[in-house]
Amino acid sequence: MCCILSALALLGPRFAIIIWWIADPERWERSFDGWLWPVLGFVFLPFTTLMYVVVRPGGVSGFDLIWLSLAVLADVAMYSGSGYGNRNRVPGYGSQAAI
């Protein structure tokens, strides 16, 4: 069950990016000047990329920064949660490591 949830968390926002880009490529062109930032966002910060596309066409200001901050926290939580969940697989790092 945990692997299914991890796969959905990993692939969910990336799948949404692909579908949204196919459905509305003009919005993505208005949000980003080139192709580098969307690709990097797709790989490393998918929740932040999605939220940026939501708030960018109208300009990023005020309450939009809070939404972007929450998206960054979601990305950080996704990566840190997987690291914490796999801590026992790294020799000498787990909670039951011999000192």
C-alpha atoms as a PDB file:
ATOM      1  CA  MET A   1       0.000   0.000   0.000  1.00  0.00           C
ATOM      2  CA  CYS A   2       2.834   2.375   0.825  1.00  0.00           C
ATOM      3  CA  CYS A   3       4.430   1.814  -2.587  1.00  0.00           C
ATOM      4  CA  ILE A   4       1.168   2.686  -4.325  1.00  0.00           C
ATOM      5  CA  LEU A   5       0.867   5.946  -2.391  1.00  0.00           C
ATOM      6  CA  SER A   6       4.496   6.789  -3.123  1.00  0.00           C
ATOM      7  CA  ALA A   7       3.991   6.106  -6.828  1.00  0.00           C
ATOM      8  CA  LEU A   8       0.883   8.311  -6.916  1.00  0.00           C
ATOM      9  CA  ALA A   9       2.677  11.127  -5.095  1.00  0.00           C
ATOM     10  CA  LEU A  10       5.596  10.854  -7.495  1.00  0.00           C
ATOM     11  CA  LEU A  11       3.657  10.456 -10.737  1.00  0.00           C
ATOM     12  CA  GLY A  12       0.462  12.367  -9.902  1.00  0.00           C
ATOM     13  CA  PRO A  13       1.706  15.943 -10.365  1.00  0.00           C
ATOM     14  CA  ARG A  14       3.883  14.965 -13.311  1.00  0.00           C
ATOM     15  CA  PHE A  15       0.941  13.314 -15.031  1.00  0.00           C
ATOM     16  CA  ALA A  16      -1.123  16.441 -14.360  1.00  0.00           C
ATOM     17  CA  ILE A  17       1.628  18.602 -15.904  1.00  0.00           C
ATOM     18  CA  ILE A  18       1.620  16.510 -19.077  1.00  0.00           C
ATOM     19  CA  ILE A  19      -2.176  16.500 -19.414  1.00  0.00           C
ATOM     20  CA  TRP A  20      -2.479  20.229 -18.703  1.00  0.00           C
ATOM     21  CA  TRP A  21       0.304  21.075 -21.155  1.00  0.00           C
ATOM     22  CA  ILE A  22      -1.440  19.055 -23.878  1.00  0.00           C
ATOM     23  CA  ALA A  23      -4.830  20.618 -23.083  1.00  0.00           C
ATOM     24  CA  ASP A  24      -3.697  24.260 -22.738  1.00  0.00           C
ATOM     25  CA  PRO A  25      -0.215  24.911 -24.182  1.00  0.00           C
ATOM     26  CA  GLU A  26      -0.856  28.678 -24.475  1.00  0.00           C
ATOM     27  CA  ARG A  27      -1.076  29.029 -20.692  1.00  0.00           C
ATOM     28  CA  TRP A  28       2.302  27.304 -20.340  1.00  0.00           C
ATOM     29  CA  GLU A  29       3.809  29.609 -22.951  1.00  0.00           C
ATOM     30  CA  ARG A  30       2.509  32.638 -21.038  1.00  0.00           C
ATOM     31  CA  SER A  31       3.910  31.275 -17.777  1.00  0.00           C
ATOM     32  CA  PHE A  32       7.405  30.368 -18.989  1.00  0.00           C
ATOM     33  CA  ASP A  33       9.684  32.027 -21.520  1.00  0.00           C
ATOM     34  CA  GLY A  34      11.500  28.887 -22.647  1.00  0.00           C
ATOM     35  CA  TRP A  35      11.540  25.151 -22.210  1.00  0.00           C
ATOM     36  CA  LEU A  36      14.264  24.807 -19.522  1.00  0.00           C
ATOM     37  CA  TRP A  37      12.299  25.910 -16.437  1.00  0.00           C
ATOM     38  CA  PRO A  38       9.236  23.755 -17.128  1.00  0.00           C
ATOM     39  CA  VAL A  39      11.453  20.704 -17.677  1.00  0.00           C
ATOM     40  CA  LEU A  40      13.400  21.327 -14.476  1.00  0.00           C
ATOM     41  CA  GLY A  41      10.129  21.883 -12.624  1.00  0.00           C
ATOM     42  CA  PHE A  42       8.745  18.646 -14.062  1.00  0.00           C
ATOM     43  CA  VAL A  43      11.747  16.708 -12.781  1.00  0.00           C
ATOM     44  CA  PHE A  44      12.468  18.348  -9.417  1.00  0.00           C
ATOM     45  CA  LEU A  45       9.506  20.503  -8.242  1.00  0.00           C
ATOM     46  CA  PRO A  46       6.269  19.293  -9.859  1.00  0.00           C
ATOM     47  CA  PHE A  47       3.836  20.756  -7.306  1.00  0.00           C
ATOM     48  CA  THR A  48       5.560  24.137  -7.480  1.00  0.00           C
ATOM     49  CA  THR A  49       5.488  24.066 -11.276  1.00  0.00           C
ATOM     50  CA  LEU A  50       1.760  23.362 -11.300  1.00  0.00           C
ATOM     51  CA  MET A  51       1.053  26.135  -8.815  1.00  0.00           C
ATOM     52  CA  TYR A  52       3.224  28.577 -10.745  1.00  0.00           C
ATOM     53  CA  VAL A  53       1.219  27.909 -13.898  1.00  0.00           C
ATOM     54  CA  VAL A  54      -1.963  28.543 -11.912  1.00  0.00           C
ATOM     55  CA  VAL A  55      -0.877  31.927 -10.521  1.00  0.00           C
ATOM     56  CA  ARG A  56       1.587  33.290 -13.128  1.00  0.00           C
ATOM     57  CA  PRO A  57      -0.627  34.510 -16.004  1.00  0.00           C
ATOM     58  CA  GLY A  58      -2.224  37.125 -13.727  1.00  0.00           C
ATOM     59  CA  GLY A  59       1.087  38.071 -12.120  1.00  0.00           C
ATOM     60  CA  VAL A  60       2.595  36.725  -8.922  1.00  0.00           C
ATOM     61  CA  SER A  61       1.854  38.970  -5.956  1.00  0.00           C
ATOM     62  CA  GLY A  62       0.291  38.953  -2.525  1.00  0.00           C
ATOM     63  CA  PHE A  63      -1.613  35.793  -1.692  1.00  0.00           C
ATOM     64  CA  ASP A  64      -0.088  34.000  -4.697  1.00  0.00           C
ATOM     65  CA  LEU A  65       3.209  33.834  -2.818  1.00  0.00           C
ATOM     66  CA  ILE A  66       1.505  31.861  -0.049  1.00  0.00           C
ATOM     67  CA  TRP A  67       0.195  29.338  -2.584  1.00  0.00           C
ATOM     68  CA  LEU A  68       3.658  29.011  -4.107  1.00  0.00           C
ATOM     69  CA  SER A  69       5.174  28.542  -0.647  1.00  0.00           C
ATOM     70  CA  LEU A  70       2.706  25.747   0.102  1.00  0.00           C
ATOM     71  CA  ALA A  71       3.609  24.073  -3.185  1.00  0.00           C
ATOM     72  CA  VAL A  72       7.326  24.259  -2.337  1.00  0.00           C
ATOM     73  CA  LEU A  73       6.566  22.736   1.067  1.00  0.00           C
ATOM     74  CA  ALA A  74       4.638  19.921  -0.646  1.00  0.00           C
ATOM     75  CA  ASP A  75       7.642  19.188  -2.871  1.00  0.00           C
ATOM     76  CA  VAL A  76      10.053  19.238   0.064  1.00  0.00           C
ATOM     77  CA  ALA A  77       7.718  17.008   2.076  1.00  0.00           C
ATOM     78  CA  MET A  78       7.523  14.543  -0.805  1.00  0.00           C
ATOM     79  CA  TYR A  79      11.301  14.206  -0.990  1.00  0.00           C
ATOM     80  CA  SER A  80      11.947  14.241   2.752  1.00  0.00           C
ATOM     81  CA  GLY A  81       9.179  11.730   3.411  1.00  0.00           C
ATOM     82  CA  SER A  82      10.726   9.235   1.045  1.00  0.00           C
ATOM     83  CA  GLY A  83      14.132   9.770   2.637  1.00  0.00           C
ATOM     84  CA  TYR A  84      12.732   9.257   6.106  1.00  0.00           C
ATOM     85  CA  GLY A  85      10.834   6.158   5.012  1.00  0.00           C
ATOM     86  CA  ASN A  86      13.981   4.570   3.589  1.00  0.00           C
ATOM     87  CA  ARG A  87      16.318   5.475   6.447  1.00  0.00           C
ATOM     88  CA  ASN A  88      16.703   1.831   7.543  1.00  0.00           C
ATOM     89  CA  ARG A  89      18.090   0.856   4.121  1.00  0.00           C
ATOM     90  CA  VAL A  90      21.193   3.022   4.529  1.00  0.00           C
ATOM     91  CA  PRO A  91      23.874   1.306   6.616  1.00  0.00           C
ATOM     92  CA  GLY A  92      24.656   3.214   9.782  1.00  0.00           C
ATOM     93  CA  TYR A  93      21.794   5.680   9.364  1.00  0.00           C
ATOM     94  CA  GLY A  94      18.761   3.820  10.690  1.00  0.00           C
ATOM     95  CA  SER A  95      17.299   4.194  14.132  1.00  0.00           C
ATOM     96  CA  GLN A  96      18.686   0.794  15.184  1.00  0.00           C
ATOM     97  CA  ALA A  97      22.272   1.385  14.115  1.00  0.00           C
ATOM     98  CA  ALA A  98      25.000   0.070  16.407  1.00  0.00           C
ATOM     99  CA  ILE A  99      27.197   2.733  17.893  1.00  0.00           C
END
